[in-house]
Amino acid sequence: MNRVVLFVIDSVGIGALPDAEEFGDVGANTLGNIIKAEGGIHLPNLISLGLGNIDGIIGIDPIESPLGAYGRSDEVSQGKDTTTGHWELAGLHLTKPFKTFPDGFPESVIQAFEEKIGKKILGNKAASGTAIIEELGEEHLKTGYPIVYTSADSVFQIAAHEEVIPIEELYKMCRIAREIMMGDHAVARIIARPFVGTLGSFNRTSNRRDFSLNPPGETVLDIAKREGFDVIAVGKIEDIFNGQGITEAVHTEDNMDGIDQTINYLNKENKGIIFTNLVDFDSKYGHRRDAKGYKQALEDMDQRIPELLKSLKKDDMIMIVADHGNDPTFKGTDHTREYIPILIYGEAVKPNVNIGTRKSFADIAATIADILGIPSTGKGDSFKSLMM
């Protein structure tokens, strides 16, 4: 095989995991509950690959002869966040969850941050990103103070209007926060959340950046890079891995741009891994509990699937997966602990093969390593022999 496209449809979970009760997520089912709430969904191309044939899928009927291999995966790592999910997809298991701050950050942290940026901050609480800029946006415009907030995830988020705090200054603040939020206060990600607009009609922009911790061990990306392969990151992948194991990267404006950039790289001469994340499902619809918008985004993506598949060469393969759930019909505004779908397609992939329920997202990394003929991270079991 020449290339593997690891294509993450961010947050598209397909049902609560057996340990969902420990995370308060019993009954969560991102895809299934969207279908139920919206009275159906039109995903003919994903269905043709085997989406409805995945064990336990709800709301989509199986077809007789799927074009791809299909399955689902449990998660070993103790978390339901972006970083945990992507790191496990790349072959790491996190036995200890990232630290969270549901009551806001300690005064010592805020004081150190304010001293280093030379400004006071607003917020310092757990909140919805869109809600907090509406709540504190007017004060932010008057004072120029950045808005600091967190969520149920392990994140330190800084929101600022692009005309009040320029993008590069906001990124500098994030780097300062990254230095502070280490050790006992380490969070998985520092996130820049720039927005534009006027009071009552603020909109977050695509200039978001994540400043992550380094992965705690070697990923399949590191191994592929060391073995001389290209590792191309599309979307927020570069940020999630803090640049480790990446040979080339492009950030994207939205889902459609993510698909465009993936196709662009498929049409170039490269060999190895193209790792794409489509974040809109999560950031624009899951967290905002917008089932209708989520459904439409899925249908819009599905229409582009034939174009993606047509761009694959004979020795290419695509794996369409997720990283966690974010059920827009569920309580709260946070991620949900769910199974992720796995759909695999390529000329060398046997059609209509059920790879079953995998024990770990790391099975995907092990399979990619097996396909490319490189060492694995030691986590996960390859399912290459089942589908090729």
Protein backbone atom coordinates (compact mmCIF):
# COMPACT_ATOMS: atom_id res chain seq x y z
CA MET A 1 0.00 0.00 0.00
CA ASN A 2 1.14 3.52 -0.83
CA ARG A 3 -1.07 5.66 1.40
CA VAL A 4 -3.63 5.45 4.15
CA VAL A 5 -6.08 8.29 4.65
CA LEU A 6 -7.22 8.43 8.27
CA PHE A 7 -10.35 10.54 8.00
CA VAL A 8 -11.87 11.64 11.31
CA ILE A 9 -15.48 12.83 11.29
CA ASP A 10 -15.10 14.54 14.63
CA SER A 11 -17.53 13.43 17.37
CA VAL A 12 -19.73 11.12 15.26
CA GLY A 13 -20.25 8.45 17.92
CA ILE A 14 -22.62 5.55 17.35
CA GLY A 15 -23.77 4.51 20.82
CA ALA A 16 -22.80 4.59 24.48
CA LEU A 17 -19.82 2.47 25.53
CA PRO A 18 -20.23 -0.19 28.25
CA ASP A 19 -18.58 2.16 30.77
CA ALA A 20 -20.67 5.20 29.78
CA GLU A 21 -22.27 5.29 33.23
CA GLU A 22 -18.91 6.29 34.73
CA PHE A 23 -18.96 9.36 32.46
CA GLY A 24 -22.64 10.24 32.93
CA ASP A 25 -23.39 9.25 29.34
CA VAL A 26 -25.89 6.37 29.54
CA GLY A 27 -28.25 6.70 26.57
CA ALA A 28 -25.93 8.83 24.46
CA ASN A 29 -25.86 7.96 20.76
CA THR A 30 -24.76 10.82 18.53
CA LEU A 31 -25.78 9.40 15.15
CA GLY A 32 -28.73 7.34 16.38
CA ASN A 33 -30.30 10.16 18.37
CA ILE A 34 -29.86 12.65 15.53
CA ILE A 35 -31.74 10.26 13.25
CA LYS A 36 -34.46 9.81 15.87
CA ALA A 37 -34.79 13.54 16.60
CA GLU A 38 -34.80 14.58 12.95
CA GLY A 39 -36.95 11.77 11.60
CA GLY A 40 -34.24 10.15 9.49
CA ILE A 41 -31.07 11.02 7.62
CA HIS A 42 -29.85 10.70 4.01
CA LEU A 43 -26.35 9.20 3.90
CA PRO A 44 -26.38 6.97 0.79
CA ASN A 45 -22.61 7.00 0.27
CA LEU A 46 -21.64 6.13 3.84
CA ILE A 47 -24.37 3.49 3.79
CA SER A 48 -22.90 2.04 0.57
CA LEU A 49 -19.60 1.58 2.43
CA GLY A 50 -21.32 -0.33 5.25
CA LEU A 51 -22.44 2.23 7.83
CA GLY A 52 -25.78 0.49 8.39
CA ASN A 53 -24.07 -2.91 8.71
CA ILE A 54 -22.00 -1.94 11.76
CA ASP A 55 -22.92 -3.95 14.84
CA GLY A 56 -25.30 -2.07 17.13
CA ILE A 57 -26.01 0.76 14.71
CA ILE A 58 -29.41 2.38 15.28
CA GLY A 59 -31.60 4.12 12.71
CA ILE A 60 -29.90 2.89 9.53
CA ASP A 61 -30.78 -0.42 7.89
CA PRO A 62 -28.01 -2.75 6.67
CA ILE A 63 -27.54 -3.36 2.97
CA GLU A 64 -26.80 -6.65 1.25
CA SER A 65 -23.40 -5.91 -0.28
CA PRO A 66 -21.43 -3.02 1.24
CA LEU A 67 -18.48 -1.79 -0.80
CA GLY A 68 -16.15 -1.54 2.18
CA ALA A 69 -15.12 -3.22 5.41
CA TYR A 70 -16.85 -1.94 8.52
CA GLY A 71 -16.90 -2.18 12.30
CA ARG A 72 -16.81 -0.16 15.49
CA SER A 73 -14.39 0.37 18.35
CA ASP A 74 -14.41 0.58 22.13
CA GLU A 75 -11.99 2.97 23.83
CA VAL A 76 -9.33 1.94 26.34
CA SER A 77 -8.15 5.39 27.45
CA GLN A 78 -9.95 7.08 30.31
CA GLY A 79 -11.48 10.07 28.59
CA LYS A 80 -13.88 11.30 25.95
CA ASP A 81 -12.00 14.30 24.64
CA THR A 82 -10.33 15.16 21.35
CA THR A 83 -6.75 14.64 22.51
CA THR A 84 -7.41 11.30 24.19
CA GLY A 85 -9.33 10.00 21.18
CA HIS A 86 -6.79 11.07 18.56
CA TRP A 87 -3.82 9.86 20.57
CA GLU A 88 -5.46 6.46 20.94
CA LEU A 89 -6.19 6.40 17.19
CA ALA A 90 -2.45 6.95 16.74
CA GLY A 91 -1.51 4.08 19.05
CA LEU A 92 -1.33 5.40 22.63
CA HIS A 93 -3.34 4.42 25.71
CA LEU A 94 -3.88 6.96 28.48
CA THR A 95 -4.56 5.18 31.75
CA LYS A 96 -4.91 8.43 33.69
CA PRO A 97 -7.43 11.05 32.52
CA PHE A 98 -6.34 14.62 31.89
CA LYS A 99 -6.98 17.07 34.71
CA THR A 100 -10.15 19.17 34.49
CA PHE A 101 -11.22 22.33 36.31
CA PRO A 102 -15.04 22.30 36.56
CA ASP A 103 -15.00 25.15 39.12
CA GLY A 104 -12.52 27.31 37.20
CA PHE A 105 -8.76 27.59 37.53
CA PRO A 106 -6.92 28.18 40.84
CA GLU A 107 -6.24 31.79 41.78
CA SER A 108 -2.50 31.12 41.61
CA VAL A 109 -2.84 30.11 37.95
CA ILE A 110 -4.94 33.14 37.03
CA GLN A 111 -2.63 35.49 38.90
CA ALA A 112 0.44 34.09 37.14
CA PHE A 113 -1.31 34.36 33.76
CA GLU A 114 -2.44 37.95 34.36
CA GLU A 115 1.04 39.00 35.45
CA LYS A 116 2.64 37.53 32.33
CA ILE A 117 0.15 38.99 29.83
CA GLY A 118 -0.05 42.34 31.64
CA LYS A 119 -3.85 42.32 31.77
CA LYS A 120 -6.72 41.16 33.93
CA ILE A 121 -8.97 38.39 32.62
CA LEU A 122 -12.72 37.87 32.48
CA GLY A 123 -14.60 34.66 33.20
CA ASN A 124 -12.58 31.85 34.76
CA LYS A 125 -15.37 29.31 34.84
CA ALA A 126 -16.73 26.34 32.94
CA ALA A 127 -19.00 27.55 30.15
CA SER A 128 -20.23 27.08 26.61
CA GLY A 129 -17.93 28.95 24.24
CA THR A 130 -20.73 30.71 22.40
CA ALA A 131 -22.61 31.53 25.60
CA ILE A 132 -19.65 33.07 27.40
CA ILE A 133 -18.77 35.48 24.60
CA GLU A 134 -22.37 36.68 24.59
CA GLU A 135 -22.25 37.02 28.39
CA LEU A 136 -18.88 38.77 28.65
CA GLY A 137 -18.41 40.15 25.14
CA GLU A 138 -19.55 43.69 25.98
CA GLU A 139 -17.18 43.91 28.95
CA HIS A 140 -14.40 42.44 26.80
CA LEU A 141 -14.92 45.14 24.17
CA LYS A 142 -14.82 47.87 26.83
CA THR A 143 -11.81 46.62 28.81
CA GLY A 144 -9.74 44.66 26.29
CA TYR A 145 -9.44 41.85 28.83
CA PRO A 146 -9.36 38.30 27.38
CA ILE A 147 -12.11 35.85 28.32
CA VAL A 148 -10.77 32.69 30.01
CA TYR A 149 -12.98 29.64 30.43
CA THR A 150 -12.96 25.86 30.48
CA SER A 151 -15.41 22.97 29.97
CA ALA A 152 -15.83 19.37 31.02
CA ASP A 153 -12.77 18.70 28.86
CA SER A 154 -9.19 19.32 29.95
CA VAL A 155 -8.88 22.75 28.32
CA PHE A 156 -7.84 26.33 29.09
CA GLN A 157 -9.64 28.45 26.50
CA ILE A 158 -9.00 32.09 25.70
CA ALA A 159 -11.63 34.00 23.72
CA ALA A 160 -10.93 37.42 22.24
CA HIS A 161 -12.38 39.65 19.54
CA GLU A 162 -9.92 39.85 16.66
CA GLU A 163 -10.17 43.67 16.58
CA VAL A 164 -9.51 43.94 20.32
CA ILE A 165 -6.72 41.39 20.70
CA PRO A 166 -5.00 40.63 17.37
CA ILE A 167 -4.58 36.98 16.42
CA GLU A 168 -0.83 36.82 17.01
CA GLU A 169 -1.22 38.43 20.44
CA LEU A 170 -3.91 35.88 21.30
CA TYR A 171 -1.60 33.05 20.21
CA LYS A 172 1.16 34.53 22.37
CA MET A 173 -1.21 34.49 25.34
CA CYS A 174 -1.94 30.84 24.62
CA ARG A 175 1.77 30.01 24.61
CA ILE A 176 2.11 31.75 27.98
CA ALA A 177 -0.83 29.75 29.32
CA ARG A 178 0.75 26.57 27.96
CA GLU A 179 3.90 27.27 30.00
CA ILE A 180 1.84 27.83 33.14
CA MET A 181 -0.54 24.88 32.69
CA MET A 182 2.04 22.15 33.15
CA GLY A 183 2.93 19.80 35.97
CA ASP A 184 0.18 19.64 38.60
CA HIS A 185 -1.94 22.03 36.54
CA ALA A 186 -1.39 20.43 33.14
CA VAL A 187 -4.37 20.46 30.79
CA ALA A 188 -4.52 18.64 27.47
CA ARG A 189 -5.01 21.78 25.38
CA ILE A 190 -4.81 25.54 25.49
CA ILE A 191 -7.26 26.80 22.86
CA ALA A 192 -7.34 30.19 21.16
CA ARG A 193 -10.98 31.10 20.48
CA PRO A 194 -11.02 34.28 18.34
CA PHE A 195 -14.32 35.83 17.34
CA VAL A 196 -15.63 38.77 15.32
CA GLY A 197 -18.85 40.73 14.99
CA THR A 198 -20.83 43.11 17.15
CA LEU A 199 -22.68 42.77 20.42
CA GLY A 200 -25.53 40.29 19.98
CA SER A 201 -24.08 38.82 16.79
CA PHE A 202 -20.61 37.50 17.64
CA ASN A 203 -19.20 34.68 15.53
CA ARG A 204 -16.16 32.52 16.24
CA THR A 205 -13.65 32.37 13.38
CA SER A 206 -11.54 29.67 11.76
CA ASN A 207 -8.39 31.18 13.34
CA ARG A 208 -8.78 28.85 16.30
CA ARG A 209 -5.53 27.15 17.33
CA ASP A 210 -4.86 24.41 19.87
CA PHE A 211 -1.65 24.31 21.91
CA SER A 212 -1.41 20.72 23.12
CA LEU A 213 0.80 18.70 25.39
CA ASN A 214 3.29 16.47 23.61
CA PRO A 215 2.06 12.89 23.26
CA PRO A 216 3.54 10.86 26.16
CA GLY A 217 4.99 8.20 23.85
CA GLU A 218 5.78 7.35 20.27
CA THR A 219 2.76 7.32 17.94
CA VAL A 220 2.34 5.63 14.57
CA LEU A 221 2.90 9.11 13.12
CA ASP A 222 6.34 9.35 14.72
CA ILE A 223 7.21 5.87 13.47
CA ALA A 224 6.00 6.54 9.93
CA LYS A 225 7.96 9.80 9.79
CA ARG A 226 11.11 8.08 11.08
CA GLU A 227 10.69 5.34 8.47
CA GLY A 228 10.70 7.93 5.69
CA PHE A 229 6.98 8.26 5.03
CA ASP A 230 5.02 11.47 4.61
CA VAL A 231 2.67 12.28 7.48
CA ILE A 232 0.31 14.99 6.30
CA ALA A 233 -2.00 16.69 8.81
CA VAL A 234 -5.22 18.31 7.59
CA GLY A 235 -7.27 20.47 9.96
CA LYS A 236 -6.46 20.55 13.67
CA ILE A 237 -4.36 17.34 13.59
CA GLU A 238 -1.07 19.26 13.77
CA ASP A 239 -2.26 21.03 16.92
CA ILE A 240 -3.54 17.85 18.60
CA PHE A 241 -0.10 16.23 18.29
CA ASN A 242 1.79 19.49 18.90
CA GLY A 243 3.51 18.96 15.56
CA GLN A 244 5.09 15.64 16.59
CA GLY A 245 5.32 13.06 13.83
CA ILE A 246 4.03 15.51 11.20
CA THR A 247 5.94 16.25 7.99
CA GLU A 248 3.46 18.69 6.42
CA ALA A 249 0.30 20.40 7.66
CA VAL A 250 -2.54 22.62 6.56
CA HIS A 251 -5.22 24.18 8.74
CA THR A 252 -8.75 24.41 7.40
CA GLU A 253 -11.68 26.82 7.51
CA ASP A 254 -14.50 24.28 7.72
CA ASN A 255 -15.53 20.72 6.80
CA MET A 256 -15.71 21.39 3.09
CA ASP A 257 -12.24 22.94 3.11
CA GLY A 258 -11.00 19.85 5.00
CA ILE A 259 -12.35 17.61 2.25
CA ASP A 260 -10.88 19.88 -0.44
CA GLN A 261 -7.45 19.80 1.20
CA THR A 262 -7.57 16.01 1.58
CA ILE A 263 -8.39 15.60 -2.11
CA ASN A 264 -5.64 18.09 -2.95
CA TYR A 265 -3.08 15.93 -1.14
CA LEU A 266 -4.46 12.76 -2.73
CA ASN A 267 -3.77 14.33 -6.11
CA LYS A 268 -0.15 15.01 -5.19
CA GLU A 269 2.86 12.72 -5.07
CA ASN A 270 3.24 11.58 -1.47
CA LYS A 271 3.46 8.31 0.38
CA GLY A 272 2.38 7.41 3.89
CA ILE A 273 -0.43 8.87 5.98
CA ILE A 274 -2.91 11.67 5.30
CA PHE A 275 -4.59 12.39 8.64
CA THR A 276 -7.69 14.60 8.37
CA ASN A 277 -10.05 16.00 10.99
CA LEU A 278 -13.43 17.54 10.13
CA VAL A 279 -14.17 19.54 13.28
CA ASP A 280 -17.47 21.27 12.42
CA PHE A 281 -19.62 18.34 13.58
CA ASP A 282 -18.19 18.77 17.07
CA SER A 283 -17.60 22.50 17.41
CA LYS A 284 -20.54 23.93 15.47
CA TYR A 285 -23.26 21.37 16.14
CA GLY A 286 -22.43 18.89 18.89
CA HIS A 287 -21.42 21.33 21.61
CA ARG A 288 -24.18 23.72 20.58
CA ARG A 289 -26.74 20.89 20.76
CA ASP A 290 -27.92 21.57 17.22
CA ALA A 291 -29.24 18.23 15.93
CA LYS A 292 -30.69 19.73 12.76
CA GLY A 293 -27.41 21.44 11.85
CA TYR A 294 -25.45 18.26 12.68
CA LYS A 295 -27.71 16.21 10.41
CA GLN A 296 -27.28 18.70 7.55
CA ALA A 297 -23.49 18.72 7.99
CA LEU A 298 -23.40 14.93 7.81
CA GLU A 299 -25.52 14.93 4.65
CA ASP A 300 -23.31 17.62 3.10
CA MET A 301 -20.20 15.56 3.84
CA ASP A 302 -21.83 12.40 2.49
CA GLN A 303 -22.34 14.09 -0.88
CA ARG A 304 -18.56 14.57 -1.13
CA ILE A 305 -17.69 10.92 -0.39
CA PRO A 306 -17.73 9.82 -4.10
CA GLU A 307 -15.27 12.60 -4.90
CA LEU A 308 -12.98 11.43 -2.10
CA LEU A 309 -13.13 7.80 -3.19
CA LYS A 310 -12.54 8.71 -6.83
CA SER A 311 -9.32 10.48 -5.78
CA LEU A 312 -7.89 7.29 -4.28
CA LYS A 313 -5.26 5.51 -6.35
CA LYS A 314 -5.09 1.73 -6.67
CA ASP A 315 -2.69 1.43 -3.75
CA ASP A 316 -4.52 3.89 -1.45
CA MET A 317 -6.94 3.17 1.37
CA ILE A 318 -9.28 5.38 3.40
CA MET A 319 -10.41 4.75 6.97
CA ILE A 320 -13.39 6.85 8.05
CA VAL A 321 -13.59 6.99 11.85
CA ALA A 322 -14.49 9.29 14.77
CA ASP A 323 -12.68 10.23 17.99
CA HIS A 324 -15.53 10.34 20.56
CA GLY A 325 -19.23 11.24 20.64
CA ASN A 326 -21.01 14.57 21.06
CA ASP A 327 -24.73 13.79 21.07
CA PRO A 328 -26.59 17.02 20.22
CA THR A 329 -29.77 15.67 21.83
CA PHE A 330 -28.06 14.88 25.14
CA LYS A 331 -27.94 16.88 28.37
CA GLY A 332 -25.28 19.56 28.81
CA THR A 333 -22.88 20.72 26.10
CA ASP A 334 -20.03 18.23 26.42
CA HIS A 335 -18.63 15.18 24.62
CA THR A 336 -20.19 11.77 25.15
CA ARG A 337 -18.47 8.42 25.76
CA GLU A 338 -19.36 6.33 22.70
CA TYR A 339 -18.30 3.68 20.24
CA ILE A 340 -16.77 5.09 17.07
CA PRO A 341 -17.57 3.82 13.55
CA ILE A 342 -14.90 2.38 11.28
CA LEU A 343 -15.42 2.28 7.50
CA ILE A 344 -12.55 1.15 5.27
CA TYR A 345 -12.40 1.37 1.50
CA GLY A 346 -9.77 0.82 -1.18
CA GLU A 347 -9.15 -1.37 -4.20
CA ALA A 348 -7.20 -3.83 -2.04
CA VAL A 349 -9.90 -3.97 0.67
CA LYS A 350 -12.34 -6.87 0.59
CA PRO A 351 -15.92 -5.62 0.36
CA ASN A 352 -18.58 -6.57 2.90
CA VAL A 353 -16.21 -7.59 5.71
CA ASN A 354 -17.31 -7.05 9.29
CA ILE A 355 -14.23 -6.41 11.44
CA GLY A 356 -16.49 -6.52 14.50
CA THR A 357 -16.10 -4.53 17.69
CA ARG A 358 -12.48 -3.60 18.24
CA LYS A 359 -11.19 -3.37 21.80
CA SER A 360 -9.24 -0.16 21.24
CA PHE A 361 -8.99 2.77 18.84
CA ALA A 362 -5.29 1.77 18.76
CA ASP A 363 -6.28 -1.17 16.54
CA ILE A 364 -6.46 1.45 13.78
CA ALA A 365 -2.85 2.54 14.39
CA ALA A 366 -1.72 -1.09 14.50
CA THR A 367 -3.47 -1.76 11.20
CA ILE A 368 -1.93 1.30 9.54
CA ALA A 369 1.52 0.17 10.72
CA ASP A 370 0.82 -3.32 9.36
CA ILE A 371 -0.32 -1.93 6.01
CA LEU A 372 2.71 0.35 5.62
CA GLY A 373 5.12 -2.33 6.83
CA ILE A 374 6.47 -0.33 9.77
CA PRO A 375 6.77 -1.14 13.49
CA SER A 376 3.68 -0.60 15.65
CA THR A 377 3.47 1.30 18.93
CA GLY A 378 2.83 -1.98 20.75
CA LYS A 379 -0.79 -1.01 21.46
CA GLY A 380 -3.77 -2.41 19.61
CA ASP A 381 -4.24 -5.37 17.26
CA SER A 382 -4.12 -5.11 13.48
CA PHE A 383 -7.21 -6.16 11.56
CA LYS A 384 -5.41 -6.09 8.19
CA SER A 385 -5.74 -9.86 7.70
CA LEU A 386 -9.51 -9.65 8.06
CA MET A 387 -9.99 -7.20 5.21
CA MET A 388 -7.13 -7.78 2.75
